[in-house]
């Protein structure tokens, strides 16, 4: 049969309508025959609501995409061409713990950075590795497109601890940065090009271009003040100190605020936790509103309210990537892949986030050489954290988990690292079997 089979694991996600919209838009050049939406029993209700909306969207668009809903991952994976993963192990309740527990110790509680990012990785990596094992058996030639956070750490673990080479980590931060630059510079996004290099949620724009002209210094001038204009729904935009951003000389990503403006971001989180709850608690309400909208039998498009979610445009990036691989487009996209020498300051066998030429054979990273000295050390420290954390996730080694927690720059001391680690291990016990092996 002609056409493509795509499997989305975590199909009951509120982001799925954006994915479906992307496939509909590109159908002429990306003929998706089957889209399988897979979830777990706890997500069945959401899967049914999202699946019904997906079917209405496809019917309204008049494209022959078959939508299948299932809780049987193996049945879905058989013969797949592309597999996308957008899972949240422990659901939003686990994220709430990731954000609340560190705050008790005066440490930033954030979904993908610091202790929260570590624990999301510890819960997620074993599940992604199970998916990779199923893919080896049922669809060995398929591409795994992962946009489950922490995407860099997950990609690192897959490259280092499984046989799967056809894996690409995806993030919506670069696309958000590009849109932000376009807005700040007052131009259409299609005219902007950014030389991205670094790690997931630790990526820099080494050069910013409009119509091929380097405008980095003009952009930097515009980024100081109360707001930078380049941010995300889930991250406070407090602007940058004029002299600091000038000295840095390259474009940071919104997540760099946690590292360069740690105290301000922590104070904001503590204040918000008291007033409206942590970001996860806010997202839980947004999700409830979205699913109420999705239930409407007259709704047959992606609702604009979805853009309130911090991960808006993930699916746009995913559709674009799949489209470019399938059609051998050889365009440039920033993705998480094996470094292969692209960034000289990072080991060749590690995962990096860098501009790549997207081909039928996969992404080819574009060499950038060494990262600038002012940011090189921070990027290397986060890479050390990701590698040690991935090792801990795979082995269930308490000491490796403690080491990962302690070397993360957002955690101030080894003693605090140990307290947070112990409390979070207990809080997430049900999702961390590798750390609680029965004594034989």
Protein backbone atom coordinates (compact mmCIF):
# COMPACT_ATOMS: atom_id res chain seq x y z
CA UNK A 1 0.00 0.00 0.00
CA UNK A 2 1.26 3.47 -0.80
CA UNK A 3 1.30 6.28 1.74
CA UNK A 4 2.92 6.73 5.12
CA UNK A 5 2.09 5.18 8.46
CA UNK A 6 2.75 7.46 11.43
CA UNK A 7 2.38 6.43 15.07
CA UNK A 8 2.05 9.04 17.82
CA UNK A 9 2.70 7.69 21.31
CA UNK A 10 0.98 9.96 23.79
CA UNK A 11 -1.78 10.49 21.23
CA UNK A 12 -4.21 11.77 23.88
CA UNK A 13 -2.05 14.88 24.35
CA UNK A 14 -3.65 18.31 23.95
CA UNK A 15 -1.00 19.01 21.27
CA UNK A 16 -2.27 16.28 18.91
CA UNK A 17 -4.71 18.55 17.01
CA UNK A 18 -1.72 20.69 15.97
CA UNK A 19 0.00 17.56 14.63
CA UNK A 20 -3.12 16.56 12.70
CA UNK A 21 -3.44 20.09 11.27
CA UNK A 22 0.20 19.89 10.12
CA UNK A 23 -0.35 16.59 8.30
CA UNK A 24 -3.53 17.89 6.66
CA UNK A 25 -1.74 21.05 5.44
CA UNK A 26 1.08 19.02 3.88
CA UNK A 27 -0.98 16.12 2.57
CA UNK A 28 -0.18 16.74 -1.13
CA UNK A 29 3.54 16.15 -0.50
CA UNK A 30 3.28 14.06 2.68
CA UNK A 31 0.63 11.43 1.97
CA UNK A 32 -0.16 10.10 5.44
CA UNK A 33 -2.27 6.98 4.96
CA UNK A 34 -2.63 6.02 8.62
CA UNK A 35 -2.16 7.98 11.83
CA UNK A 36 -2.22 5.78 14.92
CA UNK A 37 -2.79 7.59 18.21
CA UNK A 38 -1.56 5.48 21.13
CA UNK A 39 -2.02 6.06 24.84
CA UNK A 40 -2.16 4.28 28.19
CA UNK A 41 -5.33 3.29 30.10
CA UNK A 42 -5.05 6.41 32.33
CA UNK A 43 -5.15 8.53 29.18
CA UNK A 44 -7.96 6.66 27.41
CA UNK A 45 -10.64 9.31 27.98
CA UNK A 46 -8.42 12.08 26.57
CA UNK A 47 -7.40 9.83 23.67
CA UNK A 48 -11.05 9.31 22.73
CA UNK A 49 -11.80 13.07 22.87
CA UNK A 50 -8.70 14.03 20.85
CA UNK A 51 -9.22 11.12 18.44
CA UNK A 52 -12.79 12.18 17.71
CA UNK A 53 -11.59 15.76 17.03
CA UNK A 54 -8.81 14.41 14.76
CA UNK A 55 -11.37 12.43 12.76
CA UNK A 56 -13.58 15.52 12.38
CA UNK A 57 -10.57 17.58 11.23
CA UNK A 58 -9.62 15.02 8.59
CA UNK A 59 -13.21 14.69 7.38
CA UNK A 60 -13.64 18.48 7.11
CA UNK A 61 -10.35 18.75 5.15
CA UNK A 62 -11.43 15.94 2.81
CA UNK A 63 -8.12 14.07 3.03
CA UNK A 64 -8.03 10.24 3.18
CA UNK A 65 -6.05 9.90 6.43
CA UNK A 66 -7.24 6.97 8.55
CA UNK A 67 -7.17 7.79 12.28
CA UNK A 68 -6.74 4.78 14.57
CA UNK A 69 -7.00 4.94 18.37
CA UNK A 70 -5.46 2.22 20.52
CA UNK A 71 -3.97 1.35 23.90
CA UNK A 72 -1.96 -1.44 22.24
CA UNK A 73 1.42 0.08 21.38
CA UNK A 74 2.79 -3.02 19.66
CA UNK A 75 -0.22 -3.31 17.37
CA UNK A 76 0.21 0.34 16.38
CA UNK A 77 3.98 0.15 15.76
CA UNK A 78 3.88 -2.71 13.28
CA UNK A 79 5.22 -1.45 9.93
CA UNK A 80 5.37 2.23 10.97
CA UNK A 81 7.43 4.70 8.91
CA UNK A 82 7.66 7.40 11.61
CA UNK A 83 7.04 7.22 15.35
CA UNK A 84 6.57 10.40 17.35
CA UNK A 85 6.70 10.39 21.14
CA UNK A 86 4.99 13.04 23.28
CA UNK A 87 4.56 11.30 26.62
CA UNK A 88 4.38 12.50 30.22
CA UNK A 89 5.17 9.67 32.63
CA UNK A 90 3.16 10.31 35.81
CA UNK A 91 0.98 12.89 34.00
CA UNK A 92 0.72 16.50 35.17
CA UNK A 93 0.55 15.42 38.83
CA UNK A 94 4.18 14.29 38.56
CA UNK A 95 5.14 17.63 37.03
CA UNK A 96 3.48 19.45 39.93
CA UNK A 97 5.76 17.53 42.33
CA UNK A 98 8.79 18.29 40.12
CA UNK A 99 8.03 21.98 40.47
CA UNK A 100 6.91 22.14 44.11
CA UNK A 101 9.48 20.02 45.94
CA UNK A 102 12.64 21.93 44.87
CA UNK A 103 10.99 25.25 45.83
CA UNK A 104 10.84 24.05 49.46
CA UNK A 105 14.66 24.02 49.40
CA UNK A 106 15.07 27.40 47.70
CA UNK A 107 15.83 25.79 44.33
CA UNK A 108 14.07 26.50 41.01
CA UNK A 109 11.33 23.96 40.34
CA UNK A 110 10.98 23.71 36.57
CA UNK A 111 9.77 21.03 34.20
CA UNK A 112 13.01 20.46 32.26
CA UNK A 113 15.73 22.32 34.18
CA UNK A 114 17.37 21.52 37.52
CA UNK A 115 15.85 18.84 39.80
CA UNK A 116 12.54 18.80 37.87
CA UNK A 117 14.30 18.10 34.60
CA UNK A 118 16.38 15.38 36.24
CA UNK A 119 13.30 13.58 37.55
CA UNK A 120 11.36 13.94 34.33
CA UNK A 121 14.34 12.26 32.65
CA UNK A 122 14.56 9.49 35.27
CA UNK A 123 10.87 8.65 34.76
CA UNK A 124 10.84 9.04 30.99
CA UNK A 125 14.02 7.41 29.70
CA UNK A 126 13.16 3.79 30.68
CA UNK A 127 9.77 4.11 28.90
CA UNK A 128 11.37 5.55 25.74
CA UNK A 129 13.90 2.69 25.81
CA UNK A 130 11.02 0.19 25.93
CA UNK A 131 9.52 1.92 22.89
CA UNK A 132 12.90 1.64 21.11
CA UNK A 133 12.98 -2.12 21.85
CA UNK A 134 9.48 -2.50 20.39
CA UNK A 135 10.54 -0.53 17.32
CA UNK A 136 13.55 -2.80 16.76
CA UNK A 137 11.14 -5.72 16.57
CA UNK A 138 8.16 -4.16 14.75
CA UNK A 139 9.42 -1.23 12.63
CA UNK A 140 13.24 -1.31 12.60
CA UNK A 141 13.53 1.17 9.72
CA UNK A 142 11.22 3.79 11.22
CA UNK A 143 12.43 7.18 12.42
CA UNK A 144 11.83 7.97 16.09
CA UNK A 145 10.96 11.66 16.40
CA UNK A 146 10.97 12.46 20.12
CA UNK A 147 9.54 15.66 21.51
CA UNK A 148 9.12 14.35 25.03
CA UNK A 149 11.10 16.52 27.43
CA UNK A 150 13.87 16.67 28.47
CA UNK A 151 14.46 16.05 24.76
CA UNK A 152 18.26 16.43 24.88
CA UNK A 153 18.68 14.00 27.76
CA UNK A 154 16.27 11.52 26.15
CA UNK A 155 18.16 11.70 22.82
CA UNK A 156 21.45 11.24 24.70
CA UNK A 157 20.10 8.11 26.42
CA UNK A 158 18.75 6.59 23.18
CA UNK A 159 22.01 7.20 21.30
CA UNK A 160 24.15 5.88 24.16
CA UNK A 161 22.07 3.03 25.59
CA UNK A 162 20.05 1.55 22.70
CA UNK A 163 20.76 0.26 19.19
CA UNK A 164 18.52 2.91 17.61
CA UNK A 165 20.45 5.26 15.38
CA UNK A 166 17.38 6.68 13.60
CA UNK A 167 16.40 9.03 16.43
CA UNK A 168 15.88 12.79 16.34
CA UNK A 169 15.03 14.98 19.32
CA UNK A 170 12.81 17.93 18.62
CA UNK A 171 12.11 21.16 20.48
CA UNK A 172 9.87 24.17 19.91
CA UNK A 173 12.38 26.65 21.44
CA UNK A 174 14.26 27.40 18.17
CA UNK A 175 11.02 27.97 16.24
CA UNK A 176 9.82 30.23 19.08
CA UNK A 177 13.11 32.15 19.01
CA UNK A 178 12.84 32.63 15.26
CA UNK A 179 9.29 33.98 15.61
CA UNK A 180 10.42 36.24 18.45
CA UNK A 181 13.32 37.63 16.39
CA UNK A 182 10.96 38.29 13.47
CA UNK A 183 8.62 40.19 15.80
CA UNK A 184 11.42 42.25 17.44
CA UNK A 185 12.98 43.09 14.05
CA UNK A 186 9.59 43.81 12.46
CA UNK A 187 9.98 41.35 9.58
CA UNK A 188 8.25 38.21 8.35
CA UNK A 189 9.59 35.02 9.95
CA UNK A 190 10.51 33.59 6.51
CA UNK A 191 13.21 36.27 6.19
CA UNK A 192 14.99 35.25 9.42
CA UNK A 193 17.81 32.71 9.70
CA UNK A 194 19.55 31.82 12.98
CA UNK A 195 22.75 29.79 13.41
CA UNK A 196 21.61 27.55 16.29
CA UNK A 197 24.11 25.59 18.38
CA UNK A 198 24.17 24.16 21.90
CA UNK A 199 21.92 21.72 23.72
CA UNK A 200 18.20 21.31 24.21
CA UNK A 201 16.91 24.24 26.31
CA UNK A 202 20.51 25.46 26.28
CA UNK A 203 20.73 26.55 22.65
CA UNK A 204 22.24 29.83 21.44
CA UNK A 205 21.78 31.82 18.27
CA UNK A 206 25.41 32.33 17.29
CA UNK A 207 24.40 34.56 14.38
CA UNK A 208 21.08 36.13 13.41
CA UNK A 209 20.34 37.08 9.80
CA UNK A 210 17.56 38.91 7.98
CA UNK A 211 17.58 38.41 4.21
CA UNK A 212 21.11 37.02 4.55
CA UNK A 213 22.46 40.12 6.34
CA UNK A 214 23.96 39.65 9.81
CA UNK A 215 21.78 41.66 12.22
CA UNK A 216 23.00 40.12 15.49
CA UNK A 217 24.33 43.39 16.94
CA UNK A 218 21.15 45.33 15.99
CA UNK A 219 19.02 42.60 17.58
CA UNK A 220 21.13 42.58 20.77
CA UNK A 221 20.56 46.36 21.08
CA UNK A 222 16.79 45.75 21.08
CA UNK A 223 16.79 42.96 23.70
CA UNK A 224 17.50 45.03 26.82
CA UNK A 225 14.80 46.68 28.89
CA UNK A 226 11.84 45.31 30.81
CA UNK A 227 11.02 42.67 28.19
CA UNK A 228 13.14 41.07 25.49
CA UNK A 229 10.23 40.11 23.24
CA UNK A 230 11.79 36.66 22.75
CA UNK A 231 10.19 34.29 25.22
CA UNK A 232 7.72 31.44 25.66
CA UNK A 233 4.30 31.16 27.29
CA UNK A 234 5.77 29.22 30.23
CA UNK A 235 8.79 31.45 30.96
CA UNK A 236 8.71 34.93 32.48
CA UNK A 237 10.14 37.55 30.09
CA UNK A 238 12.12 39.95 32.28
CA UNK A 239 14.39 41.30 29.58
CA UNK A 240 18.17 41.32 29.79
CA UNK A 241 20.61 43.76 31.36
CA UNK A 242 21.82 45.96 28.51
CA UNK A 243 25.53 45.61 29.28
CA UNK A 244 25.31 41.85 29.92
CA UNK A 245 23.53 41.02 26.67
CA UNK A 246 25.94 43.30 24.78
CA UNK A 247 28.92 41.55 26.37
CA UNK A 248 27.47 38.12 25.56
CA UNK A 249 27.10 39.14 21.92
CA UNK A 250 24.95 36.17 20.90
CA UNK A 251 21.27 35.33 21.27
CA UNK A 252 20.37 33.32 24.40
CA UNK A 253 17.23 31.18 24.53
CA UNK A 254 14.38 31.86 26.99
CA UNK A 255 15.56 29.02 29.28
CA UNK A 256 18.89 30.80 29.85
CA UNK A 257 17.04 33.06 32.27
CA UNK A 258 17.16 30.21 34.77
CA UNK A 259 20.97 30.30 34.66
CA UNK A 260 21.76 33.99 34.17
CA UNK A 261 18.84 35.37 36.26
CA UNK A 262 18.49 32.56 38.79
CA UNK A 263 17.49 34.59 41.87
CA UNK A 264 14.86 36.65 40.01
CA UNK A 265 13.36 33.55 38.40
CA UNK A 266 13.28 31.71 41.75
CA UNK A 267 11.58 34.66 43.48
CA UNK A 268 9.01 34.81 40.67
CA UNK A 269 8.31 31.06 40.97
CA UNK A 270 7.86 31.29 44.74
CA UNK A 271 5.48 34.24 44.32
CA UNK A 272 3.47 32.52 41.55
CA UNK A 273 3.26 29.27 43.55
CA UNK A 274 1.57 31.25 46.34
CA UNK A 275 -0.77 33.21 44.04
CA UNK A 276 -1.84 30.95 41.17
CA UNK A 277 0.07 27.71 41.79
CA UNK A 278 3.08 26.33 39.93
CA UNK A 279 3.18 26.37 36.12
CA UNK A 280 2.00 22.72 36.11
CA UNK A 281 -1.09 23.66 38.14
CA UNK A 282 -1.85 26.48 35.69
CA UNK A 283 -1.34 24.10 32.74
CA UNK A 284 -3.71 21.59 34.34
CA UNK A 285 -6.47 24.22 34.19
CA UNK A 286 -5.58 25.17 30.60
CA UNK A 287 -5.71 21.46 29.66
CA UNK A 288 -9.15 21.07 31.24
CA UNK A 289 -10.43 24.05 29.24
CA UNK A 290 -8.90 22.68 26.02
CA UNK A 291 -10.47 19.25 26.45
CA UNK A 292 -13.85 20.86 27.09
CA UNK A 293 -13.41 22.66 23.74
CA UNK A 294 -12.25 19.45 22.04
CA UNK A 295 -15.45 17.68 23.12
CA UNK A 296 -17.60 20.05 21.02
CA UNK A 297 -18.95 17.93 18.13
CA UNK A 298 -19.03 21.07 15.95
CA UNK A 299 -15.31 21.76 16.41
CA UNK A 300 -13.33 20.53 13.41
CA UNK A 301 -10.18 22.72 13.52
CA UNK A 302 -7.30 23.25 15.95
CA UNK A 303 -8.61 25.85 18.45
CA UNK A 304 -6.43 28.99 18.84
CA UNK A 305 -6.46 28.53 22.65
CA UNK A 306 -3.88 25.73 22.20
CA UNK A 307 -1.22 28.40 21.79
CA UNK A 308 -1.55 29.21 25.53
CA UNK A 309 0.42 26.03 26.13
CA UNK A 310 4.20 26.47 26.42
CA UNK A 311 4.75 23.72 23.87
CA UNK A 312 2.81 25.31 21.04
CA UNK A 313 4.56 24.79 17.64
CA UNK A 314 6.14 21.47 18.69
CA UNK A 315 3.86 19.71 16.27
CA UNK A 316 4.53 22.25 13.54
CA UNK A 317 8.25 21.49 13.92
CA UNK A 318 7.55 17.73 13.89
CA UNK A 319 5.42 17.84 10.72
CA UNK A 320 8.05 19.96 9.01
CA UNK A 321 10.81 17.52 9.96
CA UNK A 322 8.89 14.43 8.77
CA UNK A 323 7.94 16.26 5.57
CA UNK A 324 11.60 17.13 4.86
CA UNK A 325 12.89 13.59 5.54
CA UNK A 326 10.20 11.99 3.39
CA UNK A 327 10.76 14.41 0.50
CA UNK A 328 14.57 14.66 0.86
CA UNK A 329 14.14 18.45 1.02
CA UNK A 330 17.70 19.19 2.21
CA UNK A 331 16.53 22.31 4.02
CA UNK A 332 18.03 23.49 7.31
CA UNK A 333 16.31 22.78 10.63
CA UNK A 334 17.59 22.83 14.23
CA UNK A 335 17.22 19.37 15.83
CA UNK A 336 18.81 17.16 18.51
CA UNK A 337 21.16 14.62 16.95
CA UNK A 338 24.52 12.90 17.45
CA UNK A 339 27.14 15.65 17.39
CA UNK A 340 29.57 13.98 14.95
CA UNK A 341 32.04 16.83 15.37
CA UNK A 342 29.61 19.68 14.62
CA UNK A 343 30.37 21.37 17.97
CA UNK A 344 34.07 20.94 18.74
CA UNK A 345 33.61 21.54 22.48
CA UNK A 346 31.20 18.56 22.89
CA UNK A 347 32.09 14.84 22.48
CA UNK A 348 31.30 13.45 19.02
CA UNK A 349 29.01 10.73 20.43
CA UNK A 350 26.85 13.10 22.48
CA UNK A 351 23.50 14.62 21.55
CA UNK A 352 23.53 18.31 20.61
CA UNK A 353 20.95 20.79 19.31
CA UNK A 354 22.30 22.26 16.11
CA UNK A 355 21.23 23.29 12.61
CA UNK A 356 21.14 20.28 10.29
CA UNK A 357 20.52 19.65 6.60
CA UNK A 358 17.47 17.35 6.58
CA UNK A 359 17.82 14.51 4.07
CA UNK A 360 16.07 11.22 3.36
CA UNK A 361 18.91 9.52 5.23
CA UNK A 362 18.40 11.82 8.21
CA UNK A 363 19.85 15.07 9.55
CA UNK A 364 23.43 16.07 8.71
CA UNK A 365 24.73 18.46 11.42
CA UNK A 366 26.34 21.68 10.21
CA UNK A 367 29.75 22.30 11.75
CA UNK A 368 30.07 25.38 13.97
CA UNK A 369 33.49 24.69 15.51
CA UNK A 370 34.03 25.66 19.13
CA UNK A 371 31.30 27.44 21.04
CA UNK A 372 32.28 30.96 22.18
CA UNK A 373 34.36 30.86 25.38
CA UNK A 374 31.76 32.77 27.52
CA UNK A 375 29.09 30.08 26.99
CA UNK A 376 31.23 26.99 26.42
CA UNK A 377 31.62 26.05 30.08
CA UNK A 378 27.92 26.28 30.91
CA UNK A 379 26.98 24.14 27.89
CA UNK A 380 29.62 21.54 28.85
CA UNK A 381 28.35 21.49 32.45
CA UNK A 382 24.79 20.82 31.28
CA UNK A 383 26.06 18.11 28.93
CA UNK A 384 27.84 16.44 31.88
CA UNK A 385 24.56 16.65 33.81
CA UNK A 386 22.61 15.07 30.93
CA UNK A 387 25.07 12.22 30.51
CA UNK A 388 25.23 11.35 34.20
CA UNK A 389 21.43 11.68 34.50
CA UNK A 390 20.89 9.35 31.51
CA UNK A 391 23.23 6.80 33.13
CA UNK A 392 21.23 7.05 36.39
CA UNK A 393 17.92 6.62 34.52
CA UNK A 394 19.13 3.47 32.76
CA UNK A 395 20.84 1.84 35.76
CA UNK A 396 18.79 3.07 38.72
CA UNK A 397 22.08 3.95 40.42
CA UNK A 398 21.37 6.24 43.40
CA UNK A 399 24.92 7.63 43.45
CA UNK A 400 24.75 8.60 39.77
CA UNK A 401 21.41 10.34 40.42
CA UNK A 402 22.95 12.23 43.35
CA UNK A 403 25.93 13.21 41.21
CA UNK A 404 23.65 14.47 38.43
CA UNK A 405 21.60 16.50 40.90
CA UNK A 406 24.69 18.04 42.49
CA UNK A 407 26.50 19.02 39.28
CA UNK A 408 23.44 20.80 37.94
CA UNK A 409 24.20 24.54 38.22
CA UNK A 410 20.75 25.32 39.65
CA UNK A 411 21.45 23.23 42.79
CA UNK A 412 23.67 25.08 45.24
CA UNK A 413 25.18 22.38 47.50
CA UNK A 414 25.65 18.63 47.74
CA UNK A 415 23.65 18.55 51.00
CA UNK A 416 20.63 20.26 49.41
CA UNK A 417 20.97 18.00 46.35
CA UNK A 418 20.74 14.93 48.57
CA UNK A 419 17.66 16.22 50.44
CA UNK A 420 15.82 17.06 47.21
CA UNK A 421 16.85 13.74 45.63
CA UNK A 422 15.60 11.68 48.57
CA UNK A 423 12.27 13.48 48.80
CA UNK A 424 11.66 13.33 45.04
CA UNK A 425 12.61 9.64 44.82
CA UNK A 426 9.99 8.89 47.46
CA UNK A 427 7.40 11.16 45.80
CA UNK A 428 7.87 9.48 42.39
CA UNK A 429 8.43 5.95 43.67
CA UNK A 430 5.65 4.44 41.52
CA UNK A 431 7.36 5.64 38.32
CA UNK A 432 10.96 4.79 39.23
CA UNK A 433 11.09 0.99 39.56
CA UNK A 434 14.79 0.98 38.57
CA UNK A 435 15.66 2.70 41.89
CA UNK A 436 13.52 0.41 44.03
CA UNK A 437 14.58 -3.07 42.95
CA UNK A 438 13.42 -5.82 45.30
CA UNK A 439 16.17 -7.16 47.56
CA UNK A 440 16.91 -10.75 46.57
